[in-house]
Amino acid sequence: MKLRTSNFSNNTDAGVALFATVSADLGTQVDPGGNTFTGNTNTGLKDNLQSGTVQAVGNTWIANQQGADGNGYYSTAPSYTPVPKLGPASGKNYSIAVTVTLDL
């Protein structure tokens, strides 16, 4: 699954939920996502994968939540150096159910 410049906002649960063993590309260092994950009731990205790494670099999240900066970014232009988050973790921007790496 590859998503670019999509808006995942104002959902009554998660903006995006990943399950099983899907390969998710929501943005990479060389091809930033440009997606928006804001205003969701539960969390922006719910990661229930069994293992692996999810790429979600270069997206807009809720500012000042779970380490996002004041603009809602974890990695910023021009380098988009991914910030790894390791599970389990839970919050408004992302939720990681098991030991998965989420590159933001």
PDB file of N, CA and C in Angstrom:
ATOM      1  N   MET A   1       0.838  -1.160   0.000  1.00  0.00           N
ATOM      2  CA  MET A   1       0.000   0.000   0.000  1.00  0.00           C
ATOM      3  C   MET A   1       0.895   1.240   0.000  1.00  0.00           C
ATOM      4  N   LYS A   2       0.629   2.144  -0.909  1.00  0.00           N
ATOM      5  CA  LYS A   2       1.371   3.395  -1.000  1.00  0.00           C
ATOM      6  C   LYS A   2       0.365   4.546  -1.031  1.00  0.00           C
ATOM      7  N   LEU A   3       0.532   5.510  -0.118  1.00  0.00           N
ATOM      8  CA  LEU A   3      -0.370   6.650  -0.058  1.00  0.00           C
ATOM      9  C   LEU A   3       0.427   7.951  -0.100  1.00  0.00           C
ATOM     10  N   ARG A   4      -0.031   8.883  -0.942  1.00  0.00           N
ATOM     11  CA  ARG A   4       0.598  10.201  -1.045  1.00  0.00           C
ATOM     12  C   ARG A   4      -0.489  11.273  -1.099  1.00  0.00           C
ATOM     13  N   THR A   5      -0.201  12.393  -0.461  1.00  0.00           N
ATOM     14  CA  THR A   5      -1.060  13.590  -0.432  1.00  0.00           C
ATOM     15  C   THR A   5      -2.525  13.269  -0.153  1.00  0.00           C
ATOM     16  N   SER A   6      -2.752  12.392   0.822  1.00  0.00           N
ATOM     17  CA  SER A   6      -4.101  12.032   1.233  1.00  0.00           C
ATOM     18  C   SER A   6      -4.432  12.716   2.561  1.00  0.00           C
ATOM     19  N   ASN A   7      -5.721  12.914   2.817  1.00  0.00           N
ATOM     20  CA  ASN A   7      -6.173  13.556   4.036  1.00  0.00           C
ATOM     21  C   ASN A   7      -6.974  12.564   4.870  1.00  0.00           C
ATOM     22  N   PHE A   8      -6.448  12.223   6.047  1.00  0.00           N
ATOM     23  CA  PHE A   8      -7.109  11.310   6.967  1.00  0.00           C
ATOM     24  C   PHE A   8      -7.505  12.103   8.201  1.00  0.00           C
ATOM     25  N   SER A   9      -8.636  12.786   8.130  1.00  0.00           N
ATOM     26  CA  SER A   9      -9.046  13.698   9.191  1.00  0.00           C
ATOM     27  C   SER A   9     -10.507  13.500   9.560  1.00  0.00           C
ATOM     28  N   ASN A  10     -10.785  13.785  10.830  1.00  0.00           N
ATOM     29  CA  ASN A  10     -12.145  13.806  11.369  1.00  0.00           C
ATOM     30  C   ASN A  10     -12.872  12.476  11.271  1.00  0.00           C
ATOM     31  N   ASN A  11     -12.142  11.369  11.379  1.00  0.00           N
ATOM     32  CA  ASN A  11     -12.758  10.044  11.426  1.00  0.00           C
ATOM     33  C   ASN A  11     -13.163   9.721  12.860  1.00  0.00           C
ATOM     34  N   THR A  12     -14.187   8.907  13.030  1.00  0.00           N
ATOM     35  CA  THR A  12     -14.648   8.563  14.371  1.00  0.00           C
ATOM     36  C   THR A  12     -13.790   7.495  15.034  1.00  0.00           C
ATOM     37  N   ASP A  13     -12.828   6.924  14.324  1.00  0.00           N
ATOM     38  CA  ASP A  13     -11.866   5.986  14.902  1.00  0.00           C
ATOM     39  C   ASP A  13     -10.485   6.432  14.428  1.00  0.00           C
ATOM     40  N   ALA A  14      -9.679   5.524  13.914  1.00  0.00           N
ATOM     41  CA  ALA A  14      -8.347   5.867  13.417  1.00  0.00           C
ATOM     42  C   ALA A  14      -8.426   6.456  12.014  1.00  0.00           C
ATOM     43  N   GLY A  15      -7.466   7.307  11.680  1.00  0.00           N
ATOM     44  CA  GLY A  15      -7.377   7.812  10.316  1.00  0.00           C
ATOM     45  C   GLY A  15      -7.016   6.695   9.356  1.00  0.00           C
ATOM     46  N   VAL A  16      -5.971   5.915   9.704  1.00  0.00           N
ATOM     47  CA  VAL A  16      -5.541   4.743   8.939  1.00  0.00           C
ATOM     48  C   VAL A  16      -5.257   3.629   9.941  1.00  0.00           C
ATOM     49  N   ALA A  17      -5.760   2.436   9.686  1.00  0.00           N
ATOM     50  CA  ALA A  17      -5.488   1.281  10.532  1.00  0.00           C
ATOM     51  C   ALA A  17      -4.823   0.201   9.686  1.00  0.00           C
ATOM     52  N   LEU A  18      -3.700  -0.306  10.148  1.00  0.00           N
ATOM     53  CA  LEU A  18      -2.952  -1.348   9.443  1.00  0.00           C
ATOM     54  C   LEU A  18      -3.029  -2.639  10.242  1.00  0.00           C
ATOM     55  N   PHE A  19      -3.317  -3.752   9.551  1.00  0.00           N
ATOM     56  CA  PHE A  19      -3.452  -5.041  10.212  1.00  0.00           C
ATOM     57  C   PHE A  19      -2.663  -6.103   9.452  1.00  0.00           C
ATOM     58  N   ALA A  20      -2.410  -7.215  10.120  1.00  0.00           N
ATOM     59  CA  ALA A  20      -1.768  -8.399   9.543  1.00  0.00           C
ATOM     60  C   ALA A  20      -0.351  -8.092   9.087  1.00  0.00           C
ATOM     61  N   THR A  21      -0.024  -8.370   7.824  1.00  0.00           N
ATOM     62  CA  THR A  21       1.351  -8.221   7.345  1.00  0.00           C
ATOM     63  C   THR A  21       1.417  -7.361   6.091  1.00  0.00           C
ATOM     64  N   VAL A  22       0.645  -6.300   6.043  1.00  0.00           N
ATOM     65  CA  VAL A  22       0.655  -5.411   4.895  1.00  0.00           C
ATOM     66  C   VAL A  22       1.968  -4.610   4.857  1.00  0.00           C
ATOM     67  N   SER A  23       2.426  -4.262   3.668  1.00  0.00           N
ATOM     68  CA  SER A  23       3.583  -3.393   3.514  1.00  0.00           C
ATOM     69  C   SER A  23       3.059  -1.981   3.295  1.00  0.00           C
ATOM     70  N   ALA A  24       3.372  -1.072   4.211  1.00  0.00           N
ATOM     71  CA  ALA A  24       2.804   0.272   4.161  1.00  0.00           C
ATOM     72  C   ALA A  24       3.869   1.314   3.864  1.00  0.00           C
ATOM     73  N   ASP A  25       3.637   2.095   2.819  1.00  0.00           N
ATOM     74  CA  ASP A  25       4.506   3.205   2.441  1.00  0.00           C
ATOM     75  C   ASP A  25       3.650   4.479   2.468  1.00  0.00           C
ATOM     76  N   LEU A  26       3.730   5.198   3.584  1.00  0.00           N
ATOM     77  CA  LEU A  26       2.994   6.453   3.736  1.00  0.00           C
ATOM     78  C   LEU A  26       3.918   7.646   3.548  1.00  0.00           C
ATOM     79  N   GLY A  27       5.139   7.374   3.074  1.00  0.00           N
ATOM     80  CA  GLY A  27       6.122   8.418   2.816  1.00  0.00           C
ATOM     81  C   GLY A  27       7.508   7.947   3.190  1.00  0.00           C
ATOM     82  N   THR A  28       8.467   8.212   2.324  1.00  0.00           N
ATOM     83  CA  THR A  28       9.856   7.834   2.581  1.00  0.00           C
ATOM     84  C   THR A  28      10.737   9.081   2.523  1.00  0.00           C
ATOM     85  N   GLN A  29      11.986   8.918   2.885  1.00  0.00           N
ATOM     86  CA  GLN A  29      12.915  10.046   2.872  1.00  0.00           C
ATOM     87  C   GLN A  29      13.067  10.613   1.464  1.00  0.00           C
ATOM     88  N   VAL A  30      13.103   9.768   0.451  1.00  0.00           N
ATOM     89  CA  VAL A  30      13.259  10.245  -0.925  1.00  0.00           C
ATOM     90  C   VAL A  30      11.935  10.602  -1.591  1.00  0.00           C
ATOM     91  N   ASP A  31      10.820  10.147  -1.015  1.00  0.00           N
ATOM     92  CA  ASP A  31       9.485  10.416  -1.565  1.00  0.00           C
ATOM     93  C   ASP A  31       8.515  10.684  -0.413  1.00  0.00           C
ATOM     94  N   PRO A  32       8.603  11.895   0.212  1.00  0.00           N
ATOM     95  CA  PRO A  32       7.783  12.214   1.380  1.00  0.00           C
ATOM     96  C   PRO A  32       6.290  12.062   1.091  1.00  0.00           C
ATOM     97  N   GLY A  33       5.543  11.658   2.117  1.00  0.00           N
ATOM     98  CA  GLY A  33       4.130  11.339   1.953  1.00  0.00           C
ATOM     99  C   GLY A  33       3.230  12.514   1.643  1.00  0.00           C
ATOM    100  N   GLY A  34       3.385  13.618   2.363  1.00  0.00           N
ATOM    101  CA  GLY A  34       2.484  14.750   2.166  1.00  0.00           C
ATOM    102  C   GLY A  34       1.063  14.465   2.618  1.00  0.00           C
ATOM    103  N   ASN A  35       0.873  13.421   3.438  1.00  0.00           N
ATOM    104  CA  ASN A  35      -0.438  13.063   3.963  1.00  0.00           C
ATOM    105  C   ASN A  35      -0.738  13.893   5.216  1.00  0.00           C
ATOM    106  N   THR A  36      -2.006  14.013   5.565  1.00  0.00           N
ATOM    107  CA  THR A  36      -2.417  14.722   6.774  1.00  0.00           C
ATOM    108  C   THR A  36      -3.208  13.779   7.664  1.00  0.00           C
ATOM    109  N   PHE A  37      -2.784  13.693   8.939  1.00  0.00           N
ATOM    110  CA  PHE A  37      -3.435  12.840   9.939  1.00  0.00           C
ATOM    111  C   PHE A  37      -3.848  13.724  11.117  1.00  0.00           C
ATOM    112  N   THR A  38      -4.994  14.355  11.054  1.00  0.00           N
ATOM    113  CA  THR A  38      -5.428  15.252  12.132  1.00  0.00           C
ATOM    114  C   THR A  38      -6.905  15.090  12.435  1.00  0.00           C
ATOM    115  N   GLY A  39      -7.283  15.407  13.664  1.00  0.00           N
ATOM    116  CA  GLY A  39      -8.684  15.471  14.041  1.00  0.00           C
ATOM    117  C   GLY A  39      -9.420  14.147  14.121  1.00  0.00           C
ATOM    118  N   ASN A  40      -8.702  13.030  14.153  1.00  0.00           N
ATOM    119  CA  ASN A  40      -9.355  11.724  14.269  1.00  0.00           C
ATOM    120  C   ASN A  40      -9.670  11.440  15.733  1.00  0.00           C
ATOM    121  N   THR A  41     -10.799  10.806  16.001  1.00  0.00           N
ATOM    122  CA  THR A  41     -11.220  10.571  17.377  1.00  0.00           C
ATOM    123  C   THR A  41     -10.250   9.670  18.119  1.00  0.00           C
ATOM    124  N   ASN A  42      -9.810   8.583  17.487  1.00  0.00           N
ATOM    125  CA  ASN A  42      -8.935   7.634  18.158  1.00  0.00           C
ATOM    126  C   ASN A  42      -7.466   8.034  17.968  1.00  0.00           C
ATOM    127  N   THR A  43      -6.914   7.795  16.811  1.00  0.00           N
ATOM    128  CA  THR A  43      -5.504   8.084  16.537  1.00  0.00           C
ATOM    129  C   THR A  43      -5.323   8.272  15.037  1.00  0.00           C
ATOM    130  N   GLY A  44      -4.264   8.946  14.624  1.00  0.00           N
ATOM    131  CA  GLY A  44      -4.033   9.170  13.206  1.00  0.00           C
ATOM    132  C   GLY A  44      -3.661   7.906  12.467  1.00  0.00           C
ATOM    133  N   LEU A  45      -2.720   7.136  13.024  1.00  0.00           N
ATOM    134  CA  LEU A  45      -2.249   5.895  12.405  1.00  0.00           C
ATOM    135  C   LEU A  45      -2.236   4.804  13.459  1.00  0.00           C
ATOM    136  N   LYS A  46      -3.025   3.776  13.245  1.00  0.00           N
ATOM    137  CA  LYS A  46      -3.089   2.633  14.163  1.00  0.00           C
ATOM    138  C   LYS A  46      -2.367   1.472  13.514  1.00  0.00           C
ATOM    139  N   ASP A  47      -1.250   1.081  14.098  1.00  0.00           N
ATOM    140  CA  ASP A  47      -0.395   0.046  13.533  1.00  0.00           C
ATOM    141  C   ASP A  47      -0.558  -1.241  14.336  1.00  0.00           C
ATOM    142  N   ASN A  48      -1.265  -2.211  13.764  1.00  0.00           N
ATOM    143  CA  ASN A  48      -1.453  -3.512  14.399  1.00  0.00           C
ATOM    144  C   ASN A  48      -0.709  -4.607  13.647  1.00  0.00           C
ATOM    145  N   LEU A  49       0.330  -4.241  12.918  1.00  0.00           N
ATOM    146  CA  LEU A  49       1.100  -5.227  12.166  1.00  0.00           C
ATOM    147  C   LEU A  49       1.811  -6.179  13.117  1.00  0.00           C
ATOM    148  N   GLN A  50       2.134  -7.353  12.634  1.00  0.00           N
ATOM    149  CA  GLN A  50       2.802  -8.352  13.455  1.00  0.00           C
ATOM    150  C   GLN A  50       4.296  -8.090  13.588  1.00  0.00           C
ATOM    151  N   SER A  51       4.910  -7.489  12.563  1.00  0.00           N
ATOM    152  CA  SER A  51       6.339  -7.184  12.612  1.00  0.00           C
ATOM    153  C   SER A  51       6.675  -6.263  11.449  1.00  0.00           C
ATOM    154  N   GLY A  52       7.890  -5.720  11.469  1.00  0.00           N
ATOM    155  CA  GLY A  52       8.365  -4.944  10.339  1.00  0.00           C
ATOM    156  C   GLY A  52       8.497  -3.462  10.612  1.00  0.00           C
ATOM    157  N   THR A  53       8.600  -2.706   9.519  1.00  0.00           N
ATOM    158  CA  THR A  53       8.778  -1.262   9.577  1.00  0.00           C
ATOM    159  C   THR A  53       7.742  -0.592   8.696  1.00  0.00           C
ATOM    160  N   VAL A  54       7.115   0.438   9.209  1.00  0.00           N
ATOM    161  CA  VAL A  54       6.169   1.245   8.439  1.00  0.00           C
ATOM    162  C   VAL A  54       6.846   2.576   8.154  1.00  0.00           C
ATOM    163  N   GLN A  55       6.844   2.986   6.891  1.00  0.00           N
ATOM    164  CA  GLN A  55       7.411   4.266   6.501  1.00  0.00           C
ATOM    165  C   GLN A  55       6.301   5.315   6.467  1.00  0.00           C
ATOM    166  N   ALA A  56       6.483   6.419   7.188  1.00  0.00           N
ATOM    167  CA  ALA A  56       5.484   7.495   7.207  1.00  0.00           C
ATOM    168  C   ALA A  56       6.195   8.833   7.344  1.00  0.00           C
ATOM    169  N   VAL A  57       7.130   9.083   6.442  1.00  0.00           N
ATOM    170  CA  VAL A  57       7.978  10.272   6.495  1.00  0.00           C
ATOM    171  C   VAL A  57       7.346  11.415   5.707  1.00  0.00           C
ATOM    172  N   GLY A  58       7.460  12.625   6.239  1.00  0.00           N
ATOM    173  CA  GLY A  58       7.030  13.816   5.504  1.00  0.00           C
ATOM    174  C   GLY A  58       5.533  14.048   5.510  1.00  0.00           C
ATOM    175  N   ASN A  59       4.878  13.776   6.638  1.00  0.00           N
ATOM    176  CA  ASN A  59       3.440  13.953   6.765  1.00  0.00           C
ATOM    177  C   ASN A  59       3.126  15.010   7.818  1.00  0.00           C
ATOM    178  N   THR A  60       1.878  15.469   7.861  1.00  0.00           N
ATOM    179  CA  THR A  60       1.431  16.422   8.864  1.00  0.00           C
ATOM    180  C   THR A  60       0.572  15.712   9.894  1.00  0.00           C
ATOM    181  N   TRP A  61       0.918  15.896  11.164  1.00  0.00           N
ATOM    182  CA  TRP A  61       0.235  15.266  12.288  1.00  0.00           C
ATOM    183  C   TRP A  61      -0.255  16.362  13.226  1.00  0.00           C
ATOM    184  N   ILE A  62      -0.894  15.970  14.329  1.00  0.00           N
ATOM    185  CA  ILE A  62      -1.314  16.946  15.334  1.00  0.00           C
ATOM    186  C   ILE A  62      -0.054  17.544  15.963  1.00  0.00           C
ATOM    187  N   ALA A  63       0.058  18.847  15.906  1.00  0.00           N
ATOM    188  CA  ALA A  63       1.242  19.537  16.421  1.00  0.00           C
ATOM    189  C   ALA A  63       1.400  19.314  17.923  1.00  0.00           C
ATOM    190  N   ASN A  64       2.652  19.210  18.343  1.00  0.00           N
ATOM    191  CA  ASN A  64       3.002  19.096  19.762  1.00  0.00           C
ATOM    192  C   ASN A  64       2.415  17.855  20.441  1.00  0.00           C
ATOM    193  N   GLN A  65       2.168  16.796  19.682  1.00  0.00           N
ATOM    194  CA  GLN A  65       1.685  15.532  20.236  1.00  0.00           C
ATOM    195  C   GLN A  65       2.691  14.426  19.940  1.00  0.00           C
ATOM    196  N   GLN A  66       3.022  13.639  20.925  1.00  0.00           N
ATOM    197  CA  GLN A  66       3.920  12.482  20.783  1.00  0.00           C
ATOM    198  C   GLN A  66       5.216  12.846  20.073  1.00  0.00           C
ATOM    199  N   GLY A  67       5.765  13.980  20.375  1.00  0.00           N
ATOM    200  CA  GLY A  67       7.053  14.371  19.820  1.00  0.00           C
ATOM    201  C   GLY A  67       7.003  15.109  18.510  1.00  0.00           C
ATOM    202  N   ALA A  68       5.811  15.330  17.949  1.00  0.00           N
ATOM    203  CA  ALA A  68       5.706  16.150  16.730  1.00  0.00           C
ATOM    204  C   ALA A  68       6.041  17.594  17.091  1.00  0.00           C
ATOM    205  N   ASP A  69       6.639  18.315  16.159  1.00  0.00           N
ATOM    206  CA  ASP A  69       6.983  19.704  16.436  1.00  0.00           C
ATOM    207  C   ASP A  69       5.749  20.604  16.346  1.00  0.00           C
ATOM    208  N   GLY A  70       5.944  21.899  16.485  1.00  0.00           N
ATOM    209  CA  GLY A  70       4.845  22.849  16.487  1.00  0.00           C
ATOM    210  C   GLY A  70       4.086  22.922  15.182  1.00  0.00           C
ATOM    211  N   ASN A  71       4.651  22.386  14.105  1.00  0.00           N
ATOM    212  CA  ASN A  71       3.976  22.344  12.813  1.00  0.00           C
ATOM    213  C   ASN A  71       3.379  20.974  12.517  1.00  0.00           C
ATOM    214  N   GLY A  72       3.549  20.034  13.434  1.00  0.00           N
ATOM    215  CA  GLY A  72       3.007  18.696  13.247  1.00  0.00           C
ATOM    216  C   GLY A  72       3.913  17.767  12.464  1.00  0.00           C
ATOM    217  N   TYR A  73       5.218  18.067  12.439  1.00  0.00           N
ATOM    218  CA  TYR A  73       6.161  17.239  11.683  1.00  0.00           C
ATOM    219  C   TYR A  73       7.132  16.535  12.615  1.00  0.00           C
ATOM    220  N   TYR A  74       7.514  15.343  12.222  1.00  0.00           N
ATOM    221  CA  TYR A  74       8.590  14.629  12.891  1.00  0.00           C
ATOM    222  C   TYR A  74       9.876  14.805  12.094  1.00  0.00           C
ATOM    223  N   SER A  75       9.813  14.674  10.802  1.00  0.00           N
ATOM    224  CA  SER A  75      10.964  14.875   9.916  1.00  0.00           C
ATOM    225  C   SER A  75      10.616  16.039   8.997  1.00  0.00           C
ATOM    226  N   THR A  76      11.553  16.939   8.817  1.00  0.00           N
ATOM    227  CA  THR A  76      11.271  18.149   8.042  1.00  0.00           C
ATOM    228  C   THR A  76      12.210  18.275   6.848  1.00  0.00           C
ATOM    229  N   ALA A  77      11.750  19.049   5.874  1.00  0.00           N
ATOM    230  CA  ALA A  77      12.541  19.304   4.670  1.00  0.00           C
ATOM    231  C   ALA A  77      13.813  20.057   5.057  1.00  0.00           C
ATOM    232  N   PRO A  78      14.885  19.956   4.308  1.00  0.00           N
ATOM    233  CA  PRO A  78      14.995  19.225   3.051  1.00  0.00           C
ATOM    234  C   PRO A  78      15.457  17.777   3.219  1.00  0.00           C
ATOM    235  N   SER A  79      15.956  17.397   4.409  1.00  0.00           N
ATOM    236  CA  SER A  79      16.545  16.056   4.542  1.00  0.00           C
ATOM    237  C   SER A  79      15.523  14.969   4.839  1.00  0.00           C
ATOM    238  N   TYR A  80      14.392  15.306   5.470  1.00  0.00           N
ATOM    239  CA  TYR A  80      13.380  14.309   5.836  1.00  0.00           C
ATOM    240  C   TYR A  80      14.004  13.087   6.492  1.00  0.00           C
ATOM    241  N   THR A  81      14.915  13.337   7.430  1.00  0.00           N
ATOM    242  CA  THR A  81      15.543  12.239   8.144  1.00  0.00           C
ATOM    243  C   THR A  81      14.501  11.572   9.031  1.00  0.00           C
ATOM    244  N   PRO A  82      14.173  10.310   8.793  1.00  0.00           N
ATOM    245  CA  PRO A  82      13.120   9.642   9.565  1.00  0.00           C
ATOM    246  C   PRO A  82      13.446   9.590  11.056  1.00  0.00           C
ATOM    247  N   VAL A  83      12.418   9.752  11.849  1.00  0.00           N
ATOM    248  CA  VAL A  83      12.506   9.595  13.296  1.00  0.00           C
ATOM    249  C   VAL A  83      11.868   8.255  13.636  1.00  0.00           C
ATOM    250  N   PRO A  84      12.652   7.283  14.113  1.00  0.00           N
ATOM    251  CA  PRO A  84      12.056   5.977  14.416  1.00  0.00           C
ATOM    252  C   PRO A  84      11.292   5.987  15.729  1.00  0.00           C
ATOM    253  N   LYS A  85      10.108   5.404  15.726  1.00  0.00           N
ATOM    254  CA  LYS A  85       9.304   5.208  16.928  1.00  0.00           C
ATOM    255  C   LYS A  85       9.109   3.713  17.061  1.00  0.00           C
ATOM    256  N   LEU A  86       9.297   3.196  18.248  1.00  0.00           N
ATOM    257  CA  LEU A  86       9.210   1.760  18.476  1.00  0.00           C
ATOM    258  C   LEU A  86       8.023   1.439  19.358  1.00  0.00           C
ATOM    259  N   GLY A  87       7.336   0.348  19.053  1.00  0.00           N
ATOM    260  CA  GLY A  87       6.164  -0.036  19.831  1.00  0.00           C
ATOM    261  C   GLY A  87       6.520  -0.890  21.014  1.00  0.00           C
ATOM    262  N   PRO A  88       5.566  -1.146  21.868  1.00  0.00           N
ATOM    263  CA  PRO A  88       4.214  -0.603  21.794  1.00  0.00           C
ATOM    264  C   PRO A  88       4.150   0.847  22.277  1.00  0.00           C
ATOM    265  N   ALA A  89       3.255   1.602  21.698  1.00  0.00           N
ATOM    266  CA  ALA A  89       3.056   3.005  22.048  1.00  0.00           C
ATOM    267  C   ALA A  89       1.640   3.384  21.668  1.00  0.00           C
ATOM    268  N   SER A  90       1.113   4.405  22.320  1.00  0.00           N
ATOM    269  CA  SER A  90      -0.244   4.812  22.011  1.00  0.00           C
ATOM    270  C   SER A  90      -0.401   6.304  22.226  1.00  0.00           C
ATOM    271  N   GLY A  91      -1.141   6.957  21.345  1.00  0.00           N
ATOM    272  CA  GLY A  91      -1.379   8.383  21.467  1.00  0.00           C
ATOM    273  C   GLY A  91      -2.255   8.886  20.341  1.00  0.00           C
ATOM    274  N   LYS A  92      -2.415  10.196  20.237  1.00  0.00           N
ATOM    275  CA  LYS A  92      -3.299  10.794  19.241  1.00  0.00           C
ATOM    276  C   LYS A  92      -2.720  10.756  17.828  1.00  0.00           C
ATOM    277  N   ASN A  93      -1.399  10.802  17.671  1.00  0.00           N
ATOM    278  CA  ASN A  93      -0.823  10.764  16.330  1.00  0.00           C
ATOM    279  C   ASN A  93      -0.663   9.342  15.808  1.00  0.00           C
ATOM    280  N   TYR A  94      -0.179   8.449  16.649  1.00  0.00           N
ATOM    281  CA  TYR A  94       0.018   7.069  16.208  1.00  0.00           C
ATOM    282  C   TYR A  94      -0.139   6.119  17.383  1.00  0.00           C
ATOM    283  N   SER A  95      -0.491   4.886  17.061  1.00  0.00           N
ATOM    284  CA  SER A  95      -0.589   3.817  18.038  1.00  0.00           C
ATOM    285  C   SER A  95       0.116   2.596  17.444  1.00  0.00           C
ATOM    286  N   ILE A  96       1.024   2.019  18.210  1.00  0.00           N
ATOM    287  CA  ILE A  96       1.743   0.827  17.757  1.00  0.00           C
ATOM    288  C   ILE A  96       1.410  -0.284  18.742  1.00  0.00           C
ATOM    289  N   ALA A  97       0.788  -1.343  18.251  1.00  0.00           N
ATOM    290  CA  ALA A  97       0.310  -2.414  19.114  1.00  0.00           C
ATOM    291  C   ALA A  97       1.423  -3.355  19.586  1.00  0.00           C
ATOM    292  N   VAL A  98       2.376  -3.650  18.717  1.00  0.00           N
ATOM    293  CA  VAL A  98       3.432  -4.601  19.054  1.00  0.00           C
ATOM    294  C   VAL A  98       4.784  -3.993  18.718  1.00  0.00           C
ATOM    295  N   THR A  99       5.832  -4.813  18.727  1.00  0.00           N
ATOM    296  CA  THR A  99       7.175  -4.321  18.477  1.00  0.00           C
ATOM    297  C   THR A  99       7.417  -4.127  16.987  1.00  0.00           C
ATOM    298  N   VAL A 100       6.978  -2.990  16.491  1.00  0.00           N
ATOM    299  CA  VAL A 100       7.145  -2.598  15.096  1.00  0.00           C
ATOM    300  C   VAL A 100       7.857  -1.252  15.094  1.00  0.00           C
ATOM    301  N   THR A 101       8.639  -0.977  14.061  1.00  0.00           N
ATOM    302  CA  THR A 101       9.287   0.316  13.928  1.00  0.00           C
ATOM    303  C   THR A 101       8.460   1.178  12.982  1.00  0.00           C
ATOM    304  N   LEU A 102       8.165   2.389  13.416  1.00  0.00           N
ATOM    305  CA  LEU A 102       7.453   3.353  12.609  1.00  0.00           C
ATOM    306  C   LEU A 102       8.411   4.497  12.313  1.00  0.00           C
ATOM    307  N   ASP A 103       8.825   4.643  11.045  1.00  0.00           N
ATOM    308  CA  ASP A 103       9.726   5.720  10.647  1.00  0.00           C
ATOM    309  C   ASP A 103       8.909   6.941  10.271  1.00  0.00           C
ATOM    310  N   LEU A 104       9.026   7.985  11.071  1.00  0.00           N
ATOM    311  CA  LEU A 104       8.329   9.233  10.829  1.00  0.00           C
ATOM    312  C   LEU A 104       9.291  10.267  10.321  1.00  0.00           C
TER     313      LEU A 104
END
